Structures are given as C-alpha cells and as structure tokens.
C-alpha atoms as a PDB file:
ATOM      1  CA  SER A   1       1.058  47.385 -14.273  1.00  0.00           C
ATOM      2  CA  SER A   2       4.241  49.271 -15.035  1.00  0.00           C
ATOM      3  CA  GLU A   3       4.924  49.381 -18.753  1.00  0.00           C
ATOM      4  CA  SER A   4       7.526  51.488 -20.465  1.00  0.00           C
ATOM      5  CA  VAL A   5       9.260  51.799 -23.793  1.00  0.00           C
ATOM      6  CA  THR A   6      12.809  53.092 -24.085  1.00  0.00           C
ATOM      7  CA  LEU A   7      15.131  53.588 -27.028  1.00  0.00           C
ATOM      8  CA  ASP A   8      18.865  53.053 -27.367  1.00  0.00           C
ATOM      9  CA  LEU A   9      21.080  53.881 -30.326  1.00  0.00           C
ATOM     10  CA  LEU A  10      23.972  51.415 -30.586  1.00  0.00           C
ATOM     11  CA  THR A  11      26.829  50.789 -32.965  1.00  0.00           C
ATOM     12  CA  TYR A  12      27.626  47.312 -34.224  1.00  0.00           C
ATOM     13  CA  THR A  13      30.536  47.186 -31.768  1.00  0.00           C
ATOM     14  CA  ASP A  14      28.229  48.118 -28.864  1.00  0.00           C
ATOM     15  CA  LEU A  15      25.799  45.382 -29.876  1.00  0.00           C
ATOM     16  CA  GLU A  16      28.555  42.767 -30.156  1.00  0.00           C
ATOM     17  CA  SER A  17      29.968  43.833 -26.791  1.00  0.00           C
ATOM     18  CA  LEU A  18      26.568  43.353 -25.144  1.00  0.00           C
ATOM     19  CA  ARG A  19      26.138  39.992 -26.852  1.00  0.00           C
ATOM     20  CA  SER A  20      29.607  38.877 -25.743  1.00  0.00           C
ATOM     21  CA  ARG A  21      28.963  39.968 -22.157  1.00  0.00           C
ATOM     22  CA  LYS A  22      25.628  38.118 -22.132  1.00  0.00           C
ATOM     23  CA  LEU A  23      27.357  34.937 -23.329  1.00  0.00           C
ATOM     24  CA  GLY A  24      30.022  35.288 -20.633  1.00  0.00           C
ATOM     25  CA  GLY A  25      32.880  36.417 -22.873  1.00  0.00           C
ATOM     26  CA  ARG A  26      35.529  38.920 -21.922  1.00  0.00           C
ATOM     27  CA  PRO A  27      34.725  42.524 -22.918  1.00  0.00           C
ATOM     28  CA  GLY A  28      38.001  42.929 -24.843  1.00  0.00           C
ATOM     29  CA  SER A  29      37.706  39.676 -26.786  1.00  0.00           C
ATOM     30  CA  LEU A  30      35.995  41.152 -29.860  1.00  0.00           C
ATOM     31  CA  ALA A  31      37.679  40.621 -33.206  1.00  0.00           C
ATOM     32  CA  PRO A  32      38.518  43.717 -35.294  1.00  0.00           C
ATOM     33  CA  ARG A  33      35.608  44.774 -37.513  1.00  0.00           C
ATOM     34  CA  SER A  34      35.529  46.197 -40.998  1.00  0.00           C
ATOM     35  CA  ALA A  35      34.690  49.848 -41.632  1.00  0.00           C
ATOM     36  CA  GLN A  36      31.362  48.745 -43.127  1.00  0.00           C
ATOM     37  CA  LEU A  37      30.352  47.004 -39.890  1.00  0.00           C
ATOM     38  CA  ASN A  38      31.567  49.935 -37.802  1.00  0.00           C
ATOM     39  CA  SER A  39      29.257  52.288 -39.716  1.00  0.00           C
ATOM     40  CA  LYS A  40      26.149  50.231 -38.874  1.00  0.00           C
ATOM     41  CA  ARG A  41      23.736  51.636 -36.305  1.00  0.00           C
ATOM     42  CA  TYR A  42      20.866  49.945 -34.525  1.00  0.00           C
ATOM     43  CA  LEU A  43      17.855  51.467 -32.838  1.00  0.00           C
ATOM     44  CA  ILE A  44      17.048  49.208 -29.894  1.00  0.00           C
ATOM     45  CA  LEU A  45      13.432  49.452 -28.769  1.00  0.00           C
ATOM     46  CA  ILE A  46      13.115  48.068 -25.232  1.00  0.00           C
ATOM     47  CA  TYR A  47       9.627  47.178 -24.050  1.00  0.00           C
ATOM     48  CA  SER A  48       9.551  46.684 -20.288  1.00  0.00           C
ATOM     49  CA  VAL A  49       6.599  45.143 -18.507  1.00  0.00           C
ATOM     50  CA  GLU A  50       6.241  43.998 -14.930  1.00  0.00           C
ATOM     51  CA  PHE A  51       8.539  40.954 -15.038  1.00  0.00           C
ATOM     52  CA  ASP A  52       9.979  41.047 -18.536  1.00  0.00           C
ATOM     53  CA  ARG A  53      12.106  43.171 -20.865  1.00  0.00           C
ATOM     54  CA  ILE A  54      11.843  42.599 -24.598  1.00  0.00           C
ATOM     55  CA  HIS A  55      14.517  44.033 -26.915  1.00  0.00           C
ATOM     56  CA  TYR A  56      13.754  44.762 -30.562  1.00  0.00           C
ATOM     57  CA  PRO A  57      16.947  45.633 -32.493  1.00  0.00           C
ATOM     58  CA  LEU A  58      16.049  47.644 -35.588  1.00  0.00           C
ATOM     59  CA  PRO A  59      18.870  48.096 -38.122  1.00  0.00           C
ATOM     60  CA  LEU A  60      19.162  51.620 -39.494  1.00  0.00           C
ATOM     61  CA  PRO A  61      20.233  51.960 -43.135  1.00  0.00           C
ATOM     62  CA  TYR A  62      23.480  53.846 -43.672  1.00  0.00           C
ATOM     63  CA  GLN A  63      22.764  57.188 -45.325  1.00  0.00           C
ATOM     64  CA  GLY A  64      26.334  58.265 -45.960  1.00  0.00           C
ATOM     65  CA  LYS A  65      28.025  61.286 -44.462  1.00  0.00           C
ATOM     66  CA  PRO A  66      25.464  63.950 -43.543  1.00  0.00           C
ATOM     67  CA  ASP A  67      25.274  67.091 -45.666  1.00  0.00           C
ATOM     68  CA  PRO A  68      25.291  70.117 -43.312  1.00  0.00           C
ATOM     69  CA  VAL A  69      23.048  72.157 -45.636  1.00  0.00           C
ATOM     70  CA  VAL A  70      20.407  69.413 -45.703  1.00  0.00           C
ATOM     71  CA  LEU A  71      20.590  68.987 -41.924  1.00  0.00           C
ATOM     72  CA  GLN A  72      20.187  72.744 -41.402  1.00  0.00           C
ATOM     73  CA  GLY A  73      17.100  72.677 -43.637  1.00  0.00           C
ATOM     74  CA  ILE A  74      15.606  69.826 -41.632  1.00  0.00           C
ATOM     75  CA  ILE A  75      16.309  71.627 -38.364  1.00  0.00           C
ATOM     76  CA  ARG A  76      14.735  74.819 -39.721  1.00  0.00           C
ATOM     77  CA  SER A  77      11.554  73.017 -40.829  1.00  0.00           C
ATOM     78  CA  LEU A  78      11.290  71.175 -37.496  1.00  0.00           C
ATOM     79  CA  LYS A  79      11.628  74.464 -35.607  1.00  0.00           C
ATOM     80  CA  GLU A  80       8.877  75.976 -37.771  1.00  0.00           C
ATOM     81  CA  GLU A  81       6.627  72.989 -37.118  1.00  0.00           C
ATOM     82  CA  LEU A  82       7.332  73.158 -33.384  1.00  0.00           C
ATOM     83  CA  GLY A  83       6.452  76.844 -33.359  1.00  0.00           C
ATOM     84  CA  ARG A  84       3.255  76.131 -35.282  1.00  0.00           C
ATOM     85  CA  LEU A  85       2.258  73.355 -32.882  1.00  0.00           C
ATOM     86  CA  ARG A  86       3.019  75.506 -29.850  1.00  0.00           C
ATOM     87  CA  GLY A  87       0.935  78.273 -31.373  1.00  0.00           C
ATOM     88  CA  LEU A  88      -2.174  76.123 -31.553  1.00  0.00           C
ATOM     89  CA  ASP A  89      -4.922  77.425 -29.285  1.00  0.00           C
ATOM     90  CA  GLY A  90      -4.511  75.891 -25.826  1.00  0.00           C
ATOM     91  CA  GLY A  91      -8.300  75.936 -25.421  1.00  0.00           C
ATOM     92  CA  GLN A  92      -8.828  73.257 -28.058  1.00  0.00           C
ATOM     93  CA  ASP A  93      -9.448  69.759 -26.866  1.00  0.00           C
ATOM     94  CA  THR A  94      -6.911  67.066 -27.655  1.00  0.00           C
ATOM     95  CA  ARG A  95      -9.037  65.589 -30.439  1.00  0.00           C
ATOM     96  CA  ASP A  96      -8.955  68.848 -32.406  1.00  0.00           C
ATOM     97  CA  THR A  97      -5.205  69.088 -31.850  1.00  0.00           C
ATOM     98  CA  ARG A  98      -4.665  65.524 -33.062  1.00  0.00           C
ATOM     99  CA  GLU A  99      -6.837  66.110 -36.126  1.00  0.00           C
ATOM    100  CA  ALA A 100      -4.858  69.246 -37.012  1.00  0.00           C
ATOM    101  CA  GLU A 101      -1.591  67.348 -36.645  1.00  0.00           C
ATOM    102  CA  ILE A 102      -2.857  64.433 -38.772  1.00  0.00           C
ATOM    103  CA  TRP A 103      -4.011  66.879 -41.450  1.00  0.00           C
ATOM    104  CA  HIS A 104      -0.574  68.535 -41.438  1.00  0.00           C
ATOM    105  CA  LEU A 105       1.222  65.185 -41.720  1.00  0.00           C
ATOM    106  CA  ARG A 106      -0.916  64.190 -44.721  1.00  0.00           C
ATOM    107  CA  GLU A 107       0.095  67.335 -46.640  1.00  0.00           C
END
C-alpha cells in the first residue's frame, strides 16, 4: 500500500480559493476579507492512501508579529540541539538514540 502524509501551510484566502474552486466558483469571485481573517493560517495535514486523500485543516493561533530576538534565540537553540543529535555515536542502535531524545525532550 502507498501511504503518505504531507503538510501545507495556507492562508484563509488560499483556503477559501480552494473551497470556491471545488464548488465550481470563479477564482476571482471571493469577497474582500477583514485583516483579522487575512492573518489566519491553517496547517493542512493531507493523508493519502491508495484510493483516497483525507485533508485535516488545523487552525494555527495568531501569535502576533514575530520578535526577531526571540526567533534568533529559537534558531540558536535548534542549531545546538541539531549539533547534539548529530554528535550522538553512530554506533548506537536506534532504540538508544530514541531513548536519549525522549530523555532530552522531558527535560
């Protein structure tokens, strides 16, 4: 069987455009939207199996404008974690690697 999961990140306008197209509407027939609706984002999880595609739209809460200092801190910590994970001994089996990662996540 061929199963796959893909992700899409869509704006409210993108989602409405897809919905309109599915219902047979014209692509340019969308009404103007408020700024609040335009700031909405949706993570679309698409589960594809042999003869079916299932879409799960997951609304993402608006977090406001990103703070560059906070984002740089997140990037720095992710780089450190990536370096730590790459530095794990390649001779370990996958169970040991998973256990180390679970332990780190629980910290």
